[in-house]
C-alpha atoms as a PDB file:
ATOM      1  CA  UNK A   1     -25.624-101.622  10.451  1.00  0.00           C
ATOM      2  CA  UNK A   2     -25.275 -98.127  11.504  1.00  0.00           C
ATOM      3  CA  UNK A   3     -27.687 -95.929   9.554  1.00  0.00           C
ATOM      4  CA  UNK A   4     -26.853 -92.821  11.514  1.00  0.00           C
ATOM      5  CA  UNK A   5     -23.748 -91.483   9.893  1.00  0.00           C
ATOM      6  CA  UNK A   6     -22.483 -88.521  11.717  1.00  0.00           C
ATOM      7  CA  UNK A   7     -21.368 -85.759   9.441  1.00  0.00           C
ATOM      8  CA  UNK A   8     -18.952 -83.372  11.010  1.00  0.00           C
ATOM      9  CA  UNK A   9     -19.822 -79.747  10.454  1.00  0.00           C
ATOM     10  CA  UNK A  10     -17.130 -77.757   8.724  1.00  0.00           C
ATOM     11  CA  UNK A  11     -15.974 -74.528  10.269  1.00  0.00           C
ATOM     12  CA  UNK A  12     -17.648 -71.561   8.591  1.00  0.00           C
ATOM     13  CA  UNK A  13     -15.425 -69.891   6.047  1.00  0.00           C
ATOM     14  CA  UNK A  14     -15.261 -66.127   6.076  1.00  0.00           C
ATOM     15  CA  UNK A  15     -14.641 -64.628   2.609  1.00  0.00           C
ATOM     16  CA  UNK A  16     -11.850 -62.084   2.851  1.00  0.00           C
ATOM     17  CA  UNK A  17     -11.987 -60.644  -0.678  1.00  0.00           C
ATOM     18  CA  UNK A  18     -15.203 -58.622  -0.122  1.00  0.00           C
ATOM     19  CA  UNK A  19     -13.903 -57.356   3.212  1.00  0.00           C
ATOM     20  CA  UNK A  20     -10.660 -56.175   1.611  1.00  0.00           C
ATOM     21  CA  UNK A  21     -12.687 -54.383  -1.083  1.00  0.00           C
ATOM     22  CA  UNK A  22     -14.758 -52.600   1.547  1.00  0.00           C
ATOM     23  CA  UNK A  23     -11.661 -51.558   3.495  1.00  0.00           C
ATOM     24  CA  UNK A  24     -10.072 -50.114   0.353  1.00  0.00           C
ATOM     25  CA  UNK A  25     -13.274 -48.233  -0.505  1.00  0.00           C
ATOM     26  CA  UNK A  26     -13.365 -46.706   2.991  1.00  0.00           C
ATOM     27  CA  UNK A  27      -9.706 -45.789   2.763  1.00  0.00           C
ATOM     28  CA  UNK A  28     -10.223 -44.057  -0.591  1.00  0.00           C
ATOM     29  CA  UNK A  29     -13.243 -42.164   0.756  1.00  0.00           C
ATOM     30  CA  UNK A  30     -11.461 -40.844   3.841  1.00  0.00           C
ATOM     31  CA  UNK A  31      -8.293 -39.906   1.963  1.00  0.00           C
ATOM     32  CA  UNK A  32     -10.168 -37.917  -0.674  1.00  0.00           C
ATOM     33  CA  UNK A  33     -12.369 -36.097   1.837  1.00  0.00           C
ATOM     34  CA  UNK A  34      -9.395 -35.153   3.999  1.00  0.00           C
ATOM     35  CA  UNK A  35      -7.501 -33.846   0.954  1.00  0.00           C
ATOM     36  CA  UNK A  36     -10.414 -31.636  -0.095  1.00  0.00           C
ATOM     37  CA  UNK A  37     -10.910 -30.315   3.448  1.00  0.00           C
ATOM     38  CA  UNK A  38      -7.207 -29.521   3.768  1.00  0.00           C
ATOM     39  CA  UNK A  39      -7.082 -27.798   0.378  1.00  0.00           C
ATOM     40  CA  UNK A  40     -10.008 -25.575   1.334  1.00  0.00           C
ATOM     41  CA  UNK A  41      -8.186 -24.384   4.447  1.00  0.00           C
ATOM     42  CA  UNK A  42      -4.766 -23.958   2.795  1.00  0.00           C
ATOM     43  CA  UNK A  43      -5.793 -20.864   0.884  1.00  0.00           C
ATOM     44  CA  UNK A  44      -4.049 -17.638   1.701  1.00  0.00           C
ATOM     45  CA  UNK A  45      -6.950 -16.427   3.821  1.00  0.00           C
ATOM     46  CA  UNK A  46      -6.293 -15.450   7.421  1.00  0.00           C
ATOM     47  CA  UNK A  47      -9.652 -15.419   9.157  1.00  0.00           C
ATOM     48  CA  UNK A  48     -10.264 -12.907  11.943  1.00  0.00           C
ATOM     49  CA  UNK A  49     -10.445 -13.789  15.615  1.00  0.00           C
ATOM     50  CA  UNK A  50     -13.467 -13.733  17.881  1.00  0.00           C
ATOM     51  CA  UNK A  51     -13.813 -14.390  21.601  1.00  0.00           C
ATOM     52  CA  UNK A  52     -16.849 -16.616  21.045  1.00  0.00           C
ATOM     53  CA  UNK A  53     -15.353 -18.592  18.170  1.00  0.00           C
ATOM     54  CA  UNK A  54     -15.856 -22.337  18.484  1.00  0.00           C
ATOM     55  CA  UNK A  55     -14.805 -25.290  16.409  1.00  0.00           C
ATOM     56  CA  UNK A  56     -17.383 -25.744  13.670  1.00  0.00           C
ATOM     57  CA  UNK A  57     -19.448 -28.852  13.190  1.00  0.00           C
ATOM     58  CA  UNK A  58     -18.912 -29.480   9.510  1.00  0.00           C
ATOM     59  CA  UNK A  59     -21.891 -30.670   7.525  1.00  0.00           C
ATOM     60  CA  UNK A  60     -21.895 -32.648   4.337  1.00  0.00           C
ATOM     61  CA  UNK A  61     -22.160 -30.529   1.238  1.00  0.00           C
ATOM     62  CA  UNK A  62     -21.601 -27.148   2.835  1.00  0.00           C
ATOM     63  CA  UNK A  63     -20.334 -24.441   0.512  1.00  0.00           C
ATOM     64  CA  UNK A  64     -17.234 -22.551   1.628  1.00  0.00           C
ATOM     65  CA  UNK A  65     -16.761 -19.117   0.081  1.00  0.00           C
ATOM     66  CA  UNK A  66     -13.288 -17.639   0.577  1.00  0.00           C
ATOM     67  CA  UNK A  67     -12.748 -13.891   0.283  1.00  0.00           C
ATOM     68  CA  UNK A  68      -9.115 -12.928  -0.184  1.00  0.00           C
ATOM     69  CA  UNK A  69      -7.533  -9.705   0.992  1.00  0.00           C
ATOM     70  CA  UNK A  70      -7.986  -8.051  -2.409  1.00  0.00           C
ATOM     71  CA  UNK A  71     -11.673  -9.071  -2.530  1.00  0.00           C
ATOM     72  CA  UNK A  72     -11.252 -12.024  -4.884  1.00  0.00           C
ATOM     73  CA  UNK A  73     -13.853 -14.757  -4.339  1.00  0.00           C
ATOM     74  CA  UNK A  74     -12.633 -18.356  -4.331  1.00  0.00           C
ATOM     75  CA  UNK A  75     -14.968 -21.381  -4.298  1.00  0.00           C
ATOM     76  CA  UNK A  76     -13.635 -24.939  -4.683  1.00  0.00           C
ATOM     77  CA  UNK A  77     -10.106 -23.674  -5.436  1.00  0.00           C
ATOM     78  CA  UNK A  78     -11.425 -21.569  -8.364  1.00  0.00           C
ATOM     79  CA  UNK A  79     -11.561 -17.810  -8.454  1.00  0.00           C
ATOM     80  CA  UNK A  80     -14.997 -16.668  -9.584  1.00  0.00           C
ATOM     81  CA  UNK A  81     -16.808 -13.377 -10.112  1.00  0.00           C
ATOM     82  CA  UNK A  82     -19.783 -12.133  -8.124  1.00  0.00           C
ATOM     83  CA  UNK A  83     -22.053 -12.889 -11.080  1.00  0.00           C
ATOM     84  CA  UNK A  84     -20.835 -16.496 -11.212  1.00  0.00           C
ATOM     85  CA  UNK A  85     -21.294 -16.773  -7.441  1.00  0.00           C
ATOM     86  CA  UNK A  86     -24.857 -15.493  -7.743  1.00  0.00           C
ATOM     87  CA  UNK A  87     -25.657 -18.113 -10.385  1.00  0.00           C
ATOM     88  CA  UNK A  88     -24.030 -20.837  -8.270  1.00  0.00           C
ATOM     89  CA  UNK A  89     -25.941 -19.823  -5.139  1.00  0.00           C
ATOM     90  CA  UNK A  90     -29.251 -19.654  -7.017  1.00  0.00           C
ATOM     91  CA  UNK A  91     -28.701 -23.118  -8.472  1.00  0.00           C
ATOM     92  CA  UNK A  92     -27.727 -24.572  -5.093  1.00  0.00           C
ATOM     93  CA  UNK A  93     -30.662 -22.933  -3.284  1.00  0.00           C
ATOM     94  CA  UNK A  94     -33.053 -24.369  -5.850  1.00  0.00           C
ATOM     95  CA  UNK A  95     -31.760 -27.920  -5.417  1.00  0.00           C
ATOM     96  CA  UNK A  96     -30.976 -27.780  -1.676  1.00  0.00           C
ATOM     97  CA  UNK A  97     -33.158 -25.273   0.227  1.00  0.00           C
ATOM     98  CA  UNK A  98     -31.319 -25.772   3.545  1.00  0.00           C
ATOM     99  CA  UNK A  99     -27.825 -25.464   2.075  1.00  0.00           C
ATOM    100  CA  UNK A 100     -25.267 -24.133   4.544  1.00  0.00           C
ATOM    101  CA  UNK A 101     -22.713 -21.539   3.434  1.00  0.00           C
ATOM    102  CA  UNK A 102     -19.568 -20.547   5.308  1.00  0.00           C
ATOM    103  CA  UNK A 103     -17.846 -17.285   4.432  1.00  0.00           C
ATOM    104  CA  UNK A 104     -14.115 -17.343   5.162  1.00  0.00           C
ATOM    105  CA  UNK A 105     -13.042 -13.741   4.816  1.00  0.00           C
ATOM    106  CA  UNK A 106      -9.503 -12.509   5.181  1.00  0.00           C
ATOM    107  CA  UNK A 107      -9.128 -10.252   8.219  1.00  0.00           C
ATOM    108  CA  UNK A 108      -7.728  -7.461   6.025  1.00  0.00           C
ATOM    109  CA  UNK A 109     -10.459  -7.696   3.385  1.00  0.00           C
ATOM    110  CA  UNK A 110     -13.020  -4.916   3.205  1.00  0.00           C
ATOM    111  CA  UNK A 111     -16.354  -5.544   4.874  1.00  0.00           C
ATOM    112  CA  UNK A 112     -17.991  -4.504   1.624  1.00  0.00           C
ATOM    113  CA  UNK A 113     -17.014  -7.834   0.019  1.00  0.00           C
ATOM    114  CA  UNK A 114     -18.642  -9.886   2.775  1.00  0.00           C
ATOM    115  CA  UNK A 115     -21.784  -7.753   2.651  1.00  0.00           C
ATOM    116  CA  UNK A 116     -21.928  -8.295  -1.114  1.00  0.00           C
ATOM    117  CA  UNK A 117     -21.785 -12.068  -0.610  1.00  0.00           C
ATOM    118  CA  UNK A 118     -24.472 -11.876   2.084  1.00  0.00           C
ATOM    119  CA  UNK A 119     -26.632  -9.894  -0.335  1.00  0.00           C
ATOM    120  CA  UNK A 120     -26.109 -12.548  -3.034  1.00  0.00           C
ATOM    121  CA  UNK A 121     -27.085 -15.262  -0.544  1.00  0.00           C
ATOM    122  CA  UNK A 122     -30.269 -13.401   0.402  1.00  0.00           C
ATOM    123  CA  UNK A 123     -31.221 -12.815  -3.244  1.00  0.00           C
ATOM    124  CA  UNK A 124     -30.634 -16.496  -4.006  1.00  0.00           C
ATOM    125  CA  UNK A 125     -32.668 -17.756  -1.062  1.00  0.00           C
ATOM    126  CA  UNK A 126     -29.745 -19.113   0.972  1.00  0.00           C
ATOM    127  CA  UNK A 127     -30.323 -18.267   4.638  1.00  0.00           C
ATOM    128  CA  UNK A 128     -28.042 -20.717   6.454  1.00  0.00           C
ATOM    129  CA  UNK A 129     -24.943 -18.485   6.361  1.00  0.00           C
ATOM    130  CA  UNK A 130     -22.121 -18.260   8.892  1.00  0.00           C
ATOM    131  CA  UNK A 131     -18.702 -16.633   9.114  1.00  0.00           C
ATOM    132  CA  UNK A 132     -15.459 -18.423   9.909  1.00  0.00           C
ATOM    133  CA  UNK A 133     -13.405 -17.114  12.830  1.00  0.00           C
ATOM    134  CA  UNK A 134     -10.690 -18.444  15.072  1.00  0.00           C
ATOM    135  CA  UNK A 135     -10.263 -18.101  18.828  1.00  0.00           C
ATOM    136  CA  UNK A 136      -7.726 -15.364  19.728  1.00  0.00           C
ATOM    137  CA  UNK A 137      -5.057 -17.786  20.961  1.00  0.00           C
ATOM    138  CA  UNK A 138      -5.079 -19.644  17.629  1.00  0.00           C
ATOM    139  CA  UNK A 139      -3.871 -16.512  15.797  1.00  0.00           C
ATOM    140  CA  UNK A 140      -1.143 -15.423  18.205  1.00  0.00           C
ATOM    141  CA  UNK A 141       2.364 -16.430  17.160  1.00  0.00           C
ATOM    142  CA  UNK A 142       4.251 -18.628  19.549  1.00  0.00           C
ATOM    143  CA  UNK A 143       6.808 -16.824  21.672  1.00  0.00           C
ATOM    144  CA  UNK A 144      10.123 -18.279  22.677  1.00  0.00           C
ATOM    145  CA  UNK A 145      11.686 -17.239  26.000  1.00  0.00           C
ATOM    146  CA  UNK A 146      15.420 -16.794  26.099  1.00  0.00           C
ATOM    147  CA  UNK A 147      17.214 -18.492  28.978  1.00  0.00           C
ATOM    148  CA  UNK A 148      18.573 -16.272  31.713  1.00  0.00           C
END
């Protein structure tokens, strides 16, 4: 009598359903974040150029304030007034003391509008403020040479 029955070990089974769920969740996350980032940059704001402009390191939750040529303030694809911006900045500064703010001003907008936003940031307690700019070669239109 053989009391030692050998039981063959089954190959481990890897469940694919949870992995597919995780992949879809990641896909949804990256698609939505890229859409929001693209929408923020598709506004009709042409930022000025600067020799020392570098590609920004985007942080999570940063607030982008767009100033159009006519001085209109746009945040999250909504045009708001300076009073509404002041309330928004005060609320954000209260919840997130190190909140970063990027001001994307149109190159033809008056400096007065940007100074007004800086003043609102200072009154609200937001000190991590920067301006968006592009390197000079990014603004120059491409030239086409004619043959001959």
